[in-house]
């Protein structure tokens, strides 16, 4: 079972990463999507750098919140180490 994120969060997250890589002078910070939390928004008049960092923090929270750990099979036991001590 995987966590359900609001639509568009993954695309927004990739666009945010692109803005961080090339810089806010060359690429605008994408608008914060509706994360389903009333009153959650960026501060009006924030500099682009501040908006980018705040968005990254909020995005990381949205991507992790409610995530159910993925199930993976138990790995096989490794062979005994028979090298001398």
PDB file of N, CA and C in Angstrom:
ATOM      1  N   UNK A   1       0.845  -1.173   0.000  1.00  0.00           N
ATOM      2  CA  UNK A   1       0.000   0.000   0.000  1.00  0.00           C
ATOM      3  C   UNK A   1       0.893   1.239   0.000  1.00  0.00           C
ATOM      4  N   UNK A   2       0.653   2.155  -0.893  1.00  0.00           N
ATOM      5  CA  UNK A   2       1.457   3.371  -0.965  1.00  0.00           C
ATOM      6  C   UNK A   2       0.648   4.554  -0.483  1.00  0.00           C
ATOM      7  N   UNK A   3       1.362   5.582  -0.048  1.00  0.00           N
ATOM      8  CA  UNK A   3       0.693   6.791   0.427  1.00  0.00           C
ATOM      9  C   UNK A   3       0.084   7.530  -0.753  1.00  0.00           C
ATOM     10  N   UNK A   4      -1.001   8.195  -0.517  1.00  0.00           N
ATOM     11  CA  UNK A   4      -1.639   8.989  -1.558  1.00  0.00           C
ATOM     12  C   UNK A   4      -1.287  10.451  -1.348  1.00  0.00           C
ATOM     13  N   UNK A   5      -0.602  11.004  -2.313  1.00  0.00           N
ATOM     14  CA  UNK A   5      -0.262  12.418  -2.269  1.00  0.00           C
ATOM     15  C   UNK A   5      -1.268  13.178  -3.113  1.00  0.00           C
ATOM     16  N   UNK A   6      -1.481  14.451  -2.789  1.00  0.00           N
ATOM     17  CA  UNK A   6      -2.372  15.246  -3.636  1.00  0.00           C
ATOM     18  C   UNK A   6      -1.856  15.258  -5.072  1.00  0.00           C
ATOM     19  N   UNK A   7      -2.755  15.352  -6.053  1.00  0.00           N
ATOM     20  CA  UNK A   7      -2.322  15.344  -7.444  1.00  0.00           C
ATOM     21  C   UNK A   7      -1.365  16.493  -7.757  1.00  0.00           C
ATOM     22  N   UNK A   8      -0.393  16.203  -8.568  1.00  0.00           N
ATOM     23  CA  UNK A   8       0.535  17.240  -8.997  1.00  0.00           C
ATOM     24  C   UNK A   8       1.739  17.450  -8.104  1.00  0.00           C
ATOM     25  N   UNK A   9       1.793  16.820  -6.945  1.00  0.00           N
ATOM     26  CA  UNK A   9       2.910  17.038  -6.024  1.00  0.00           C
ATOM     27  C   UNK A   9       4.207  16.501  -6.611  1.00  0.00           C
ATOM     28  N   UNK A  10       4.159  15.337  -7.256  1.00  0.00           N
ATOM     29  CA  UNK A  10       5.383  14.763  -7.820  1.00  0.00           C
ATOM     30  C   UNK A  10       5.942  15.637  -8.948  1.00  0.00           C
ATOM     31  N   UNK A  11       5.069  16.135  -9.814  1.00  0.00           N
ATOM     32  CA  UNK A  11       5.507  17.029 -10.895  1.00  0.00           C
ATOM     33  C   UNK A  11       6.075  18.311 -10.314  1.00  0.00           C
ATOM     34  N   UNK A  12       5.389  18.882  -9.339  1.00  0.00           N
ATOM     35  CA  UNK A  12       5.847  20.109  -8.693  1.00  0.00           C
ATOM     36  C   UNK A  12       7.211  19.878  -8.040  1.00  0.00           C
ATOM     37  N   UNK A  13       7.383  18.725  -7.395  1.00  0.00           N
ATOM     38  CA  UNK A  13       8.639  18.399  -6.716  1.00  0.00           C
ATOM     39  C   UNK A  13       9.798  18.369  -7.713  1.00  0.00           C
ATOM     40  N   UNK A  14       9.561  17.770  -8.895  1.00  0.00           N
ATOM     41  CA  UNK A  14      10.605  17.732  -9.931  1.00  0.00           C
ATOM     42  C   UNK A  14      10.919  19.140 -10.435  1.00  0.00           C
ATOM     43  N   UNK A  15       9.897  19.971 -10.627  1.00  0.00           N
ATOM     44  CA  UNK A  15      10.114  21.350 -11.070  1.00  0.00           C
ATOM     45  C   UNK A  15      10.870  22.149 -10.008  1.00  0.00           C
ATOM     46  N   UNK A  16      10.578  21.907  -8.755  1.00  0.00           N
ATOM     47  CA  UNK A  16      11.277  22.574  -7.657  1.00  0.00           C
ATOM     48  C   UNK A  16      12.752  22.174  -7.653  1.00  0.00           C
ATOM     49  N   UNK A  17      13.012  20.887  -7.864  1.00  0.00           N
ATOM     50  CA  UNK A  17      14.389  20.416  -7.948  1.00  0.00           C
ATOM     51  C   UNK A  17      15.132  21.049  -9.107  1.00  0.00           C
ATOM     52  N   UNK A  18      14.460  21.212 -10.231  1.00  0.00           N
ATOM     53  CA  UNK A  18      15.083  21.868 -11.387  1.00  0.00           C
ATOM     54  C   UNK A  18      15.426  23.316 -11.081  1.00  0.00           C
ATOM     55  N   UNK A  19      14.525  24.013 -10.412  1.00  0.00           N
ATOM     56  CA  UNK A  19      14.795  25.411 -10.038  1.00  0.00           C
ATOM     57  C   UNK A  19      15.973  25.486  -9.071  1.00  0.00           C
ATOM     58  N   UNK A  20      16.085  24.520  -8.185  1.00  0.00           N
ATOM     59  CA  UNK A  20      17.201  24.510  -7.239  1.00  0.00           C
ATOM     60  C   UNK A  20      18.520  24.238  -7.959  1.00  0.00           C
ATOM     61  N   UNK A  21      18.495  23.381  -8.964  1.00  0.00           N
ATOM     62  CA  UNK A  21      19.721  23.037  -9.684  1.00  0.00           C
ATOM     63  C   UNK A  21      20.246  24.190 -10.533  1.00  0.00           C
ATOM     64  N   UNK A  22      19.379  24.866 -11.257  1.00  0.00           N
ATOM     65  CA  UNK A  22      19.850  25.927 -12.156  1.00  0.00           C
ATOM     66  C   UNK A  22      19.837  27.300 -11.494  1.00  0.00           C
ATOM     67  N   UNK A  23      19.178  27.429 -10.373  1.00  0.00           N
ATOM     68  CA  UNK A  23      19.146  28.693  -9.650  1.00  0.00           C
ATOM     69  C   UNK A  23      17.865  29.467  -9.880  1.00  0.00           C
ATOM     70  N   UNK A  24      17.472  30.213  -8.882  1.00  0.00           N
ATOM     71  CA  UNK A  24      16.216  30.954  -8.954  1.00  0.00           C
ATOM     72  C   UNK A  24      16.305  32.166  -9.870  1.00  0.00           C
ATOM     73  N   UNK A  25      17.516  32.598 -10.243  1.00  0.00           N
ATOM     74  CA  UNK A  25      17.649  33.701 -11.194  1.00  0.00           C
ATOM     75  C   UNK A  25      17.330  33.229 -12.612  1.00  0.00           C
ATOM     76  N   UNK A  26      17.505  31.924 -12.858  1.00  0.00           N
ATOM     77  CA  UNK A  26      17.278  31.389 -14.197  1.00  0.00           C
ATOM     78  C   UNK A  26      15.959  30.653 -14.335  1.00  0.00           C
ATOM     79  N   UNK A  27      15.412  30.163 -13.238  1.00  0.00           N
ATOM     80  CA  UNK A  27      14.148  29.439 -13.303  1.00  0.00           C
ATOM     81  C   UNK A  27      13.299  29.835 -12.101  1.00  0.00           C
ATOM     82  N   UNK A  28      12.033  30.193 -12.323  1.00  0.00           N
ATOM     83  CA  UNK A  28      11.184  30.612 -11.201  1.00  0.00           C
ATOM     84  C   UNK A  28      10.833  29.436 -10.290  1.00  0.00           C
ATOM     85  N   UNK A  29      10.569  29.759  -9.055  1.00  0.00           N
ATOM     86  CA  UNK A  29      10.132  28.750  -8.087  1.00  0.00           C
ATOM     87  C   UNK A  29       8.680  28.414  -8.412  1.00  0.00           C
ATOM     88  N   UNK A  30       8.352  27.127  -8.624  1.00  0.00           N
ATOM     89  CA  UNK A  30       6.965  26.778  -8.957  1.00  0.00           C
ATOM     90  C   UNK A  30       6.033  27.060  -7.779  1.00  0.00           C
ATOM     91  N   UNK A  31       4.810  27.416  -8.119  1.00  0.00           N
ATOM     92  CA  UNK A  31       3.815  27.716  -7.086  1.00  0.00           C
ATOM     93  C   UNK A  31       3.546  26.469  -6.251  1.00  0.00           C
ATOM     94  N   UNK A  32       3.350  26.685  -4.970  1.00  0.00           N
ATOM     95  CA  UNK A  32       3.074  25.590  -4.037  1.00  0.00           C
ATOM     96  C   UNK A  32       1.715  24.986  -4.362  1.00  0.00           C
ATOM     97  N   UNK A  33       1.640  23.657  -4.604  1.00  0.00           N
ATOM     98  CA  UNK A  33       0.337  23.044  -4.899  1.00  0.00           C
ATOM     99  C   UNK A  33      -0.490  22.925  -3.625  1.00  0.00           C
ATOM    100  N   UNK A  34      -1.751  22.593  -3.796  1.00  0.00           N
ATOM    101  CA  UNK A  34      -2.620  22.356  -2.649  1.00  0.00           C
ATOM    102  C   UNK A  34      -2.209  21.046  -2.007  1.00  0.00           C
ATOM    103  N   UNK A  35      -1.630  21.116  -0.819  1.00  0.00           N
ATOM    104  CA  UNK A  35      -1.164  19.925  -0.116  1.00  0.00           C
ATOM    105  C   UNK A  35      -2.216  19.358   0.827  1.00  0.00           C
ATOM    106  N   UNK A  36      -3.399  19.937   0.802  1.00  0.00           N
ATOM    107  CA  UNK A  36      -4.481  19.430   1.627  1.00  0.00           C
ATOM    108  C   UNK A  36      -4.439  19.899   3.063  1.00  0.00           C
ATOM    109  N   UNK A  37      -3.608  20.917   3.354  1.00  0.00           N
ATOM    110  CA  UNK A  37      -3.506  21.461   4.706  1.00  0.00           C
ATOM    111  C   UNK A  37      -4.013  22.900   4.666  1.00  0.00           C
ATOM    112  N   UNK A  38      -5.157  23.174   5.317  1.00  0.00           N
ATOM    113  CA  UNK A  38      -5.703  24.531   5.280  1.00  0.00           C
ATOM    114  C   UNK A  38      -4.719  25.554   5.865  1.00  0.00           C
ATOM    115  N   UNK A  39      -4.574  26.673   5.182  1.00  0.00           N
ATOM    116  CA  UNK A  39      -3.730  27.757   5.675  1.00  0.00           C
ATOM    117  C   UNK A  39      -2.252  27.592   5.397  1.00  0.00           C
ATOM    118  N   UNK A  40      -1.856  26.513   4.742  1.00  0.00           N
ATOM    119  CA  UNK A  40      -0.447  26.284   4.441  1.00  0.00           C
ATOM    120  C   UNK A  40      -0.091  27.033   3.161  1.00  0.00           C
ATOM    121  N   UNK A  41       0.796  28.024   3.292  1.00  0.00           N
ATOM    122  CA  UNK A  41       1.196  28.799   2.121  1.00  0.00           C
ATOM    123  C   UNK A  41       2.547  29.443   2.391  1.00  0.00           C
ATOM    124  N   UNK A  42       3.139  29.956   1.327  1.00  0.00           N
ATOM    125  CA  UNK A  42       4.400  30.676   1.457  1.00  0.00           C
ATOM    126  C   UNK A  42       4.119  32.094   1.930  1.00  0.00           C
ATOM    127  N   UNK A  43       5.101  32.678   2.577  1.00  0.00           N
ATOM    128  CA  UNK A  43       4.964  34.039   3.070  1.00  0.00           C
ATOM    129  C   UNK A  43       4.916  35.005   1.883  1.00  0.00           C
ATOM    130  N   UNK A  44       3.971  35.934   1.897  1.00  0.00           N
ATOM    131  CA  UNK A  44       3.883  36.941   0.833  1.00  0.00           C
ATOM    132  C   UNK A  44       5.144  37.792   0.814  1.00  0.00           C
ATOM    133  N   UNK A  45       5.658  38.048  -0.376  1.00  0.00           N
ATOM    134  CA  UNK A  45       6.832  38.897  -0.527  1.00  0.00           C
ATOM    135  C   UNK A  45       8.152  38.210  -0.229  1.00  0.00           C
ATOM    136  N   UNK A  46       8.141  36.893  -0.093  1.00  0.00           N
ATOM    137  CA  UNK A  46       9.377  36.168   0.201  1.00  0.00           C
ATOM    138  C   UNK A  46      10.299  36.218  -1.013  1.00  0.00           C
ATOM    139  N   UNK A  47      11.603  36.352  -0.763  1.00  0.00           N
ATOM    140  CA  UNK A  47      12.582  36.292  -1.849  1.00  0.00           C
ATOM    141  C   UNK A  47      12.537  34.909  -2.477  1.00  0.00           C
ATOM    142  N   UNK A  48      12.976  34.805  -3.715  1.00  0.00           N
ATOM    143  CA  UNK A  48      12.924  33.535  -4.432  1.00  0.00           C
ATOM    144  C   UNK A  48      13.699  32.445  -3.701  1.00  0.00           C
ATOM    145  N   UNK A  49      14.857  32.797  -3.147  1.00  0.00           N
ATOM    146  CA  UNK A  49      15.666  31.805  -2.436  1.00  0.00           C
ATOM    147  C   UNK A  49      14.941  31.283  -1.207  1.00  0.00           C
ATOM    148  N   UNK A  50      14.289  32.186  -0.486  1.00  0.00           N
ATOM    149  CA  UNK A  50      13.538  31.791   0.706  1.00  0.00           C
ATOM    150  C   UNK A  50      12.333  30.928   0.320  1.00  0.00           C
ATOM    151  N   UNK A  51      11.660  31.312  -0.760  1.00  0.00           N
ATOM    152  CA  UNK A  51      10.509  30.534  -1.226  1.00  0.00           C
ATOM    153  C   UNK A  51      10.944  29.131  -1.649  1.00  0.00           C
ATOM    154  N   UNK A  52      12.101  29.030  -2.276  1.00  0.00           N
ATOM    155  CA  UNK A  52      12.611  27.729  -2.704  1.00  0.00           C
ATOM    156  C   UNK A  52      12.893  26.836  -1.500  1.00  0.00           C
ATOM    157  N   UNK A  53      13.582  27.371  -0.499  1.00  0.00           N
ATOM    158  CA  UNK A  53      13.913  26.569   0.681  1.00  0.00           C
ATOM    159  C   UNK A  53      12.665  26.180   1.481  1.00  0.00           C
ATOM    160  N   UNK A  54      11.735  27.115   1.607  1.00  0.00           N
ATOM    161  CA  UNK A  54      10.489  26.812   2.317  1.00  0.00           C
ATOM    162  C   UNK A  54       9.693  25.761   1.559  1.00  0.00           C
ATOM    163  N   UNK A  55       9.629  25.910   0.235  1.00  0.00           N
ATOM    164  CA  UNK A  55       8.919  24.927  -0.588  1.00  0.00           C
ATOM    165  C   UNK A  55       9.554  23.554  -0.471  1.00  0.00           C
ATOM    166  N   UNK A  56      10.879  23.502  -0.445  1.00  0.00           N
ATOM    167  CA  UNK A  56      11.572  22.223  -0.317  1.00  0.00           C
ATOM    168  C   UNK A  56      11.229  21.552   1.018  1.00  0.00           C
ATOM    169  N   UNK A  57      11.175  22.331   2.078  1.00  0.00           N
ATOM    170  CA  UNK A  57      10.827  21.771   3.387  1.00  0.00           C
ATOM    171  C   UNK A  57       9.393  21.263   3.395  1.00  0.00           C
ATOM    172  N   UNK A  58       8.471  22.052   2.844  1.00  0.00           N
ATOM    173  CA  UNK A  58       7.073  21.633   2.801  1.00  0.00           C
ATOM    174  C   UNK A  58       6.884  20.435   1.880  1.00  0.00           C
ATOM    175  N   UNK A  59       7.601  20.422   0.766  1.00  0.00           N
ATOM    176  CA  UNK A  59       7.498  19.311  -0.164  1.00  0.00           C
ATOM    177  C   UNK A  59       8.013  18.016   0.428  1.00  0.00           C
ATOM    178  N   UNK A  60       9.116  18.098   1.145  1.00  0.00           N
ATOM    179  CA  UNK A  60       9.658  16.900   1.795  1.00  0.00           C
ATOM    180  C   UNK A  60       8.659  16.366   2.816  1.00  0.00           C
ATOM    181  N   UNK A  61       8.013  17.273   3.544  1.00  0.00           N
ATOM    182  CA  UNK A  61       6.996  16.866   4.521  1.00  0.00           C
ATOM    183  C   UNK A  61       5.821  16.194   3.820  1.00  0.00           C
ATOM    184  N   UNK A  62       5.373  16.778   2.717  1.00  0.00           N
ATOM    185  CA  UNK A  62       4.221  16.224   2.003  1.00  0.00           C
ATOM    186  C   UNK A  62       4.540  14.857   1.407  1.00  0.00           C
ATOM    187  N   UNK A  63       5.765  14.688   0.929  1.00  0.00           N
ATOM    188  CA  UNK A  63       6.150  13.414   0.319  1.00  0.00           C
ATOM    189  C   UNK A  63       6.310  12.312   1.361  1.00  0.00           C
ATOM    190  N   UNK A  64       6.638  12.660   2.591  1.00  0.00           N
ATOM    191  CA  UNK A  64       6.866  11.648   3.633  1.00  0.00           C
ATOM    192  C   UNK A  64       5.647  11.392   4.508  1.00  0.00           C
ATOM    193  N   UNK A  65       4.774  12.356   4.624  1.00  0.00           N
ATOM    194  CA  UNK A  65       3.638  12.235   5.539  1.00  0.00           C
ATOM    195  C   UNK A  65       2.727  11.087   5.144  1.00  0.00           C
ATOM    196  N   UNK A  66       2.491  10.228   6.060  1.00  0.00           N
ATOM    197  CA  UNK A  66       1.570   9.128   5.848  1.00  0.00           C
ATOM    198  C   UNK A  66       2.101   8.022   4.965  1.00  0.00           C
ATOM    199  N   UNK A  67       3.361   8.074   4.622  1.00  0.00           N
ATOM    200  CA  UNK A  67       3.914   7.034   3.750  1.00  0.00           C
ATOM    201  C   UNK A  67       3.994   5.713   4.506  1.00  0.00           C
ATOM    202  N   UNK A  68       3.487   4.692   3.877  1.00  0.00           N
ATOM    203  CA  UNK A  68       3.544   3.358   4.447  1.00  0.00           C
ATOM    204  C   UNK A  68       4.824   2.700   3.939  1.00  0.00           C
ATOM    205  N   UNK A  69       5.620   2.112   4.823  1.00  0.00           N
ATOM    206  CA  UNK A  69       6.842   1.459   4.353  1.00  0.00           C
ATOM    207  C   UNK A  69       6.521   0.394   3.313  1.00  0.00           C
ATOM    208  N   UNK A  70       7.314   0.390   2.271  1.00  0.00           N
ATOM    209  CA  UNK A  70       7.101  -0.607   1.229  1.00  0.00           C
ATOM    210  C   UNK A  70       7.537  -1.976   1.746  1.00  0.00           C
ATOM    211  N   UNK A  71       6.813  -2.988   1.335  1.00  0.00           N
ATOM    212  CA  UNK A  71       7.137  -4.348   1.749  1.00  0.00           C
ATOM    213  C   UNK A  71       8.199  -4.903   0.808  1.00  0.00           C
ATOM    214  N   UNK A  72       9.195  -5.463   1.384  1.00  0.00           N
ATOM    215  CA  UNK A  72      10.209  -6.143   0.569  1.00  0.00           C
ATOM    216  C   UNK A  72      10.494  -7.482   1.230  1.00  0.00           C
ATOM    217  N   UNK A  73      10.793  -8.474   0.426  1.00  0.00           N
ATOM    218  CA  UNK A  73      11.053  -9.791   1.006  1.00  0.00           C
ATOM    219  C   UNK A  73      12.328  -9.775   1.849  1.00  0.00           C
ATOM    220  N   UNK A  74      12.370 -10.641   2.811  1.00  0.00           N
ATOM    221  CA  UNK A  74      13.549 -10.755   3.664  1.00  0.00           C
ATOM    222  C   UNK A  74      14.689 -11.328   2.816  1.00  0.00           C
ATOM    223  N   UNK A  75      15.855 -10.679   2.841  1.00  0.00           N
ATOM    224  CA  UNK A  75      16.951 -11.188   2.016  1.00  0.00           C
ATOM    225  C   UNK A  75      17.453 -12.533   2.528  1.00  0.00           C
ATOM    226  N   UNK A  76      18.065 -13.264   1.627  1.00  0.00           N
ATOM    227  CA  UNK A  76      18.622 -14.555   2.018  1.00  0.00           C
ATOM    228  C   UNK A  76      19.803 -14.342   2.950  1.00  0.00           C
ATOM    229  N   UNK A  77      20.015 -15.318   3.824  1.00  0.00           N
ATOM    230  CA  UNK A  77      21.126 -15.234   4.755  1.00  0.00           C
ATOM    231  C   UNK A  77      22.440 -15.364   3.997  1.00  0.00           C
ATOM    232  N   UNK A  78      23.388 -14.537   4.350  1.00  0.00           N
ATOM    233  CA  UNK A  78      24.693 -14.623   3.684  1.00  0.00           C
ATOM    234  C   UNK A  78      25.446 -15.846   4.204  1.00  0.00           C
ATOM    235  N   UNK A  79      26.343 -16.362   3.395  1.00  0.00           N
ATOM    236  CA  UNK A  79      27.102 -17.544   3.847  1.00  0.00           C
ATOM    237  C   UNK A  79      28.022 -17.173   5.001  1.00  0.00           C
ATOM    238  N   UNK A  80      28.362 -18.167   5.798  1.00  0.00           N
ATOM    239  CA  UNK A  80      29.265 -17.933   6.929  1.00  0.00           C
ATOM    240  C   UNK A  80      30.619 -17.460   6.430  1.00  0.00           C
ATOM    241  N   UNK A  81      31.236 -16.585   7.197  1.00  0.00           N
ATOM    242  CA  UNK A  81      32.565 -16.100   6.863  1.00  0.00           C
ATOM    243  C   UNK A  81      33.574 -17.056   7.477  1.00  0.00           C
ATOM    244  N   UNK A  82      34.258 -17.784   6.644  1.00  0.00           N
ATOM    245  CA  UNK A  82      35.173 -18.802   7.143  1.00  0.00           C
ATOM    246  C   UNK A  82      36.621 -18.355   7.081  1.00  0.00           C
ATOM    247  N   UNK A  83      36.838 -17.058   6.912  1.00  0.00           N
ATOM    248  CA  UNK A  83      38.210 -16.560   6.905  1.00  0.00           C
ATOM    249  C   UNK A  83      38.777 -16.606   8.319  1.00  0.00           C
ATOM    250  N   UNK A  84      40.078 -16.769   8.453  1.00  0.00           N
ATOM    251  CA  UNK A  84      40.659 -16.773   9.809  1.00  0.00           C
ATOM    252  C   UNK A  84      40.492 -15.402  10.455  1.00  0.00           C
ATOM    253  N   UNK A  85      40.366 -15.431  11.779  1.00  0.00           N
ATOM    254  CA  UNK A  85      40.178 -14.178  12.532  1.00  0.00           C
ATOM    255  C   UNK A  85      41.398 -13.308  12.479  1.00  0.00           C
TER     256      UNK A  85
END
